[in-house]
Amino acid sequence: MARARHNFINMKSSGPFCEAIFAVTIRCAVFLSLLFLPLLLSAQTRGKVEVDKNPKVDSLIGNYLLGGKPGNGNTPSSDGYRVQIYSGSDRKGAYAAQAKFQDKYPAVPTYLTYREPNFKVHVGDYRSRLEAEKMMEDLKTYFASLFIIEEKINLPKLDTE
């Protein structure tokens, strides 16, 4: 160990010869890096990527992400809001409320459910509470008791063509 330290000290103190070799090595490394730097930079050219895929891929991905299973006809769903326009035990009253709403808003979907002992009619598929509140304001003149219900909604169909 003492001998290795002695050799290191001798090499360090050998002076100009070791310093010259070290300086030449550093200069060569800098020169070579400057020489090859343009080659490395020229390899970084921008290109154009073109994706060619079937348009139904987006539809399948959307169904998968939103919970619909491909091939069985399920519509994708998400958390959202609906407006309840009727709740009561009278079936005819539920159908009458549903028909009255569909006369005024034929494009808005309606959902009639029965959970013993009551029938309930929910309307719309709203992604935000604000949309549901706007519909509720429009319906105040036609229906007596209105509530906003938070539940799974059907998302609109995507235009895949």
C-alpha atoms as a PDB file:
ATOM      1  CA  MET A   1       0.000   0.000   0.000  1.00  0.00           C
ATOM      2  CA  ALA A   2       2.814   2.351   0.870  1.00  0.00           C
ATOM      3  CA  ARG A   3       4.493   1.474  -2.394  1.00  0.00           C
ATOM      4  CA  ALA A   4       1.308   2.276  -4.422  1.00  0.00           C
ATOM      5  CA  ARG A   5       1.023   5.636  -2.693  1.00  0.00           C
ATOM      6  CA  HIS A   6       4.713   6.235  -3.400  1.00  0.00           C
ATOM      7  CA  ASN A   7       4.182   5.462  -7.126  1.00  0.00           C
ATOM      8  CA  PHE A   8       1.201   7.841  -7.248  1.00  0.00           C
ATOM      9  CA  ILE A   9       3.218  10.585  -5.645  1.00  0.00           C
ATOM     10  CA  ASN A  10       6.062   9.944  -8.073  1.00  0.00           C
ATOM     11  CA  MET A  11       3.672  10.068 -11.048  1.00  0.00           C
ATOM     12  CA  LYS A  12       2.070  13.237  -9.732  1.00  0.00           C
ATOM     13  CA  SER A  13       5.372  14.849  -9.162  1.00  0.00           C
ATOM     14  CA  SER A  14       6.718  13.666 -12.498  1.00  0.00           C
ATOM     15  CA  GLY A  15       5.430  16.981 -13.724  1.00  0.00           C
ATOM     16  CA  PRO A  16       5.366  18.214 -17.253  1.00  0.00           C
ATOM     17  CA  PHE A  17       5.263  14.834 -18.981  1.00  0.00           C
ATOM     18  CA  CYS A  18       2.020  13.689 -17.264  1.00  0.00           C
ATOM     19  CA  GLU A  19       0.494  17.144 -17.636  1.00  0.00           C
ATOM     20  CA  ALA A  20       1.253  17.122 -21.359  1.00  0.00           C
ATOM     21  CA  ILE A  21      -0.359  13.699 -21.858  1.00  0.00           C
ATOM     22  CA  PHE A  22      -3.403  14.805 -19.874  1.00  0.00           C
ATOM     23  CA  ALA A  23      -3.706  18.044 -21.839  1.00  0.00           C
ATOM     24  CA  VAL A  24      -3.409  16.234 -25.184  1.00  0.00           C
ATOM     25  CA  THR A  25      -6.084  13.729 -24.113  1.00  0.00           C
ATOM     26  CA  ILE A  26      -8.497  16.525 -23.136  1.00  0.00           C
ATOM     27  CA  ARG A  27      -7.839  18.404 -26.383  1.00  0.00           C
ATOM     28  CA  CYS A  28      -8.487  15.267 -28.461  1.00  0.00           C
ATOM     29  CA  ALA A  29     -11.733  14.594 -26.607  1.00  0.00           C
ATOM     30  CA  VAL A  30     -12.944  18.180 -27.138  1.00  0.00           C
ATOM     31  CA  PHE A  31     -11.913  18.092 -30.799  1.00  0.00           C
ATOM     32  CA  LEU A  32     -13.674  14.790 -31.465  1.00  0.00           C
ATOM     33  CA  SER A  33     -16.832  15.910 -29.681  1.00  0.00           C
ATOM     34  CA  LEU A  34     -16.901  19.141 -31.722  1.00  0.00           C
ATOM     35  CA  LEU A  35     -16.277  17.132 -34.872  1.00  0.00           C
ATOM     36  CA  PHE A  36     -19.173  14.700 -34.276  1.00  0.00           C
ATOM     37  CA  LEU A  37     -21.610  17.180 -32.703  1.00  0.00           C
ATOM     38  CA  PRO A  38     -23.059  18.310 -36.075  1.00  0.00           C
ATOM     39  CA  LEU A  39     -23.654  14.669 -37.001  1.00  0.00           C
ATOM     40  CA  LEU A  40     -25.612  14.115 -33.798  1.00  0.00           C
ATOM     41  CA  LEU A  41     -27.633  17.288 -34.271  1.00  0.00           C
ATOM     42  CA  SER A  42     -28.484  16.508 -37.886  1.00  0.00           C
ATOM     43  CA  ALA A  43     -30.030  13.214 -36.787  1.00  0.00           C
ATOM     44  CA  GLN A  44     -32.662  15.222 -34.851  1.00  0.00           C
ATOM     45  CA  THR A  45     -34.731  16.293 -37.848  1.00  0.00           C
ATOM     46  CA  ARG A  46     -38.486  16.766 -37.532  1.00  0.00           C
ATOM     47  CA  GLY A  47     -40.689  14.372 -39.416  1.00  0.00           C
ATOM     48  CA  LYS A  48     -44.364  13.893 -40.091  1.00  0.00           C
ATOM     49  CA  VAL A  49     -46.298  11.015 -38.548  1.00  0.00           C
ATOM     50  CA  GLU A  50     -49.370   9.829 -40.370  1.00  0.00           C
ATOM     51  CA  VAL A  51     -51.799   7.473 -38.598  1.00  0.00           C
ATOM     52  CA  ASP A  52     -53.982   5.299 -40.775  1.00  0.00           C
ATOM     53  CA  LYS A  53     -56.721   3.546 -38.782  1.00  0.00           C
ATOM     54  CA  ASN A  54     -60.276   2.404 -39.098  1.00  0.00           C
ATOM     55  CA  PRO A  55     -62.705   5.060 -37.750  1.00  0.00           C
ATOM     56  CA  LYS A  56     -64.548   2.438 -35.718  1.00  0.00           C
ATOM     57  CA  VAL A  57     -61.479   2.125 -33.456  1.00  0.00           C
ATOM     58  CA  ASP A  58     -62.430   5.397 -31.742  1.00  0.00           C
ATOM     59  CA  SER A  59     -65.945   4.094 -31.171  1.00  0.00           C
ATOM     60  CA  LEU A  60     -64.678   0.863 -29.641  1.00  0.00           C
ATOM     61  CA  ILE A  61     -62.249   2.723 -27.381  1.00  0.00           C
ATOM     62  CA  GLY A  62     -65.021   5.076 -26.292  1.00  0.00           C
ATOM     63  CA  ASN A  63     -67.307   2.148 -25.454  1.00  0.00           C
ATOM     64  CA  TYR A  64     -64.573   0.445 -23.475  1.00  0.00           C
ATOM     65  CA  LEU A  65     -63.634   3.546 -21.478  1.00  0.00           C
ATOM     66  CA  LEU A  66     -67.235   4.475 -20.702  1.00  0.00           C
ATOM     67  CA  GLY A  67     -68.327   1.035 -19.556  1.00  0.00           C
ATOM     68  CA  GLY A  68     -70.176  -0.219 -22.614  1.00  0.00           C
ATOM     69  CA  LYS A  69     -69.185  -3.670 -23.796  1.00  0.00           C
ATOM     70  CA  PRO A  70     -68.489  -3.878 -27.512  1.00  0.00           C
ATOM     71  CA  GLY A  71     -70.899  -5.983 -29.483  1.00  0.00           C
ATOM     72  CA  ASN A  72     -73.801  -6.293 -27.043  1.00  0.00           C
ATOM     73  CA  GLY A  73     -75.570  -3.009 -27.808  1.00  0.00           C
ATOM     74  CA  ASN A  74     -75.008  -1.277 -24.486  1.00  0.00           C
ATOM     75  CA  THR A  75     -74.942   2.473 -24.740  1.00  0.00           C
ATOM     76  CA  PRO A  76     -72.072   4.204 -22.970  1.00  0.00           C
ATOM     77  CA  SER A  77     -73.044   5.786 -19.670  1.00  0.00           C
ATOM     78  CA  SER A  78     -71.605   8.231 -17.192  1.00  0.00           C
ATOM     79  CA  ASP A  79     -72.559   9.971 -13.973  1.00  0.00           C
ATOM     80  CA  GLY A  80     -74.969  12.799 -14.584  1.00  0.00           C
ATOM     81  CA  TYR A  81     -78.351  14.289 -13.749  1.00  0.00           C
ATOM     82  CA  ARG A  82     -82.008  13.871 -14.646  1.00  0.00           C
ATOM     83  CA  VAL A  83     -85.103  15.824 -13.667  1.00  0.00           C
ATOM     84  CA  GLN A  84     -87.863  13.895 -11.888  1.00  0.00           C
ATOM     85  CA  ILE A  85     -91.241  15.166 -13.081  1.00  0.00           C
ATOM     86  CA  TYR A  86     -93.536  12.587 -11.467  1.00  0.00           C
ATOM     87  CA  SER A  87     -93.544  10.306  -8.427  1.00  0.00           C
ATOM     88  CA  GLY A  88     -96.661   8.487  -7.293  1.00  0.00           C
ATOM     89  CA  SER A  89     -98.520   5.194  -7.097  1.00  0.00           C
ATOM     90  CA  ASP A  90    -100.831   5.895 -10.050  1.00  0.00           C
ATOM     91  CA  ARG A  91     -99.643   4.236 -13.254  1.00  0.00           C
ATOM     92  CA  LYS A  92    -101.967   6.301 -15.437  1.00  0.00           C
ATOM     93  CA  GLY A  93    -100.662   9.489 -13.811  1.00  0.00           C
ATOM     94  CA  ALA A  94     -97.086   8.442 -14.636  1.00  0.00           C
ATOM     95  CA  TYR A  95     -97.968   7.732 -18.263  1.00  0.00           C
ATOM     96  CA  ALA A  96     -99.869  11.022 -18.489  1.00  0.00           C
ATOM     97  CA  ALA A  97     -96.877  12.998 -17.132  1.00  0.00           C
ATOM     98  CA  GLN A  98     -94.563  11.220 -19.558  1.00  0.00           C
ATOM     99  CA  ALA A  99     -96.876  11.955 -22.541  1.00  0.00           C
ATOM    100  CA  LYS A 100     -97.309  15.601 -21.474  1.00  0.00           C
ATOM    101  CA  PHE A 101     -93.536  16.040 -21.335  1.00  0.00           C
ATOM    102  CA  GLN A 102     -92.969  14.313 -24.687  1.00  0.00           C
ATOM    103  CA  ASP A 103     -95.498  16.607 -26.339  1.00  0.00           C
ATOM    104  CA  LYS A 104     -93.505  19.650 -25.240  1.00  0.00           C
ATOM    105  CA  TYR A 105     -89.978  18.188 -25.652  1.00  0.00           C
ATOM    106  CA  PRO A 106     -90.011  15.294 -28.156  1.00  0.00           C
ATOM    107  CA  ALA A 107     -86.211  15.182 -28.531  1.00  0.00           C
ATOM    108  CA  VAL A 108     -85.513  14.763 -24.776  1.00  0.00           C
ATOM    109  CA  PRO A 109     -85.541  11.124 -23.552  1.00  0.00           C
ATOM    110  CA  THR A 110     -87.872  10.048 -20.731  1.00  0.00           C
ATOM    111  CA  TYR A 111     -87.432   7.152 -18.293  1.00  0.00           C
ATOM    112  CA  LEU A 112     -90.333   5.549 -16.420  1.00  0.00           C
ATOM    113  CA  THR A 113     -89.404   3.287 -13.492  1.00  0.00           C
ATOM    114  CA  TYR A 114     -91.421   1.400 -10.909  1.00  0.00           C
ATOM    115  CA  ARG A 115     -90.121   0.768  -7.441  1.00  0.00           C
ATOM    116  CA  GLU A 116     -92.918  -0.518  -5.228  1.00  0.00           C
ATOM    117  CA  PRO A 117     -95.206   1.286  -4.496  1.00  0.00           C
ATOM    118  CA  ASN A 118     -94.267   4.282  -6.686  1.00  0.00           C
ATOM    119  CA  PHE A 119     -93.859   5.056 -10.349  1.00  0.00           C
ATOM    120  CA  LYS A 120     -91.247   7.687 -11.207  1.00  0.00           C
ATOM    121  CA  VAL A 121     -90.698   9.590 -14.427  1.00  0.00           C
ATOM    122  CA  HIS A 122     -87.223  11.056 -15.021  1.00  0.00           C
ATOM    123  CA  VAL A 123     -86.341  13.150 -18.057  1.00  0.00           C
ATOM    124  CA  GLY A 124     -83.138  14.121 -19.826  1.00  0.00           C
ATOM    125  CA  ASP A 125     -79.499  13.073 -19.772  1.00  0.00           C
ATOM    126  CA  TYR A 126     -77.596  16.058 -18.408  1.00  0.00           C
ATOM    127  CA  ARG A 127     -73.861  16.022 -17.786  1.00  0.00           C
ATOM    128  CA  SER A 128     -73.921  19.003 -15.435  1.00  0.00           C
ATOM    129  CA  ARG A 129     -76.270  20.054 -12.666  1.00  0.00           C
ATOM    130  CA  LEU A 130     -76.553  23.463 -14.337  1.00  0.00           C
ATOM    131  CA  GLU A 131     -78.147  21.911 -17.451  1.00  0.00           C
ATOM    132  CA  ALA A 132     -80.619  20.005 -15.271  1.00  0.00           C
ATOM    133  CA  GLU A 133     -81.488  23.167 -13.315  1.00  0.00           C
ATOM    134  CA  LYS A 134     -82.180  25.007 -16.564  1.00  0.00           C
ATOM    135  CA  MET A 135     -84.588  22.263 -17.671  1.00  0.00           C
ATOM    136  CA  MET A 136     -86.231  22.298 -14.245  1.00  0.00           C
ATOM    137  CA  GLU A 137     -86.826  26.055 -14.556  1.00  0.00           C
ATOM    138  CA  ASP A 138     -88.443  25.518 -17.970  1.00  0.00           C
ATOM    139  CA  LEU A 139     -90.730  22.792 -16.551  1.00  0.00           C
ATOM    140  CA  LYS A 140     -91.953  24.640 -13.437  1.00  0.00           C
ATOM    141  CA  THR A 141     -95.060  25.900 -15.223  1.00  0.00           C
ATOM    142  CA  TYR A 142     -96.070  22.385 -16.401  1.00  0.00           C
ATOM    143  CA  PHE A 143     -95.335  20.111 -13.416  1.00  0.00           C
ATOM    144  CA  ALA A 144     -95.960  20.588  -9.693  1.00  0.00           C
ATOM    145  CA  SER A 145     -93.084  18.844  -7.956  1.00  0.00           C
ATOM    146  CA  LEU A 146     -89.695  18.691  -9.660  1.00  0.00           C
ATOM    147  CA  PHE A 147     -86.432  17.278  -8.348  1.00  0.00           C
ATOM    148  CA  ILE A 148     -82.940  16.907  -9.759  1.00  0.00           C
ATOM    149  CA  ILE A 149     -81.754  13.310  -9.457  1.00  0.00           C
ATOM    150  CA  GLU A 150     -78.106  12.283  -9.702  1.00  0.00           C
ATOM    151  CA  GLU A 151     -77.736   8.948 -11.529  1.00  0.00           C
ATOM    152  CA  LYS A 152     -76.123   7.171 -14.470  1.00  0.00           C
ATOM    153  CA  ILE A 153     -77.069   8.796 -17.757  1.00  0.00           C
ATOM    154  CA  ASN A 154     -76.861   7.654 -21.352  1.00  0.00           C
ATOM    155  CA  LEU A 155     -74.321   9.638 -23.327  1.00  0.00           C
ATOM    156  CA  PRO A 156     -75.212  10.889 -26.803  1.00  0.00           C
ATOM    157  CA  LYS A 157     -74.175   8.752 -29.728  1.00  0.00           C
ATOM    158  CA  LEU A 158     -70.870   9.688 -31.348  1.00  0.00           C
ATOM    159  CA  ASP A 159     -70.762  10.500 -35.045  1.00  0.00           C
ATOM    160  CA  THR A 160     -68.188   7.931 -36.215  1.00  0.00           C
ATOM    161  CA  GLU A 161     -68.476   8.452 -39.961  1.00  0.00           C
END
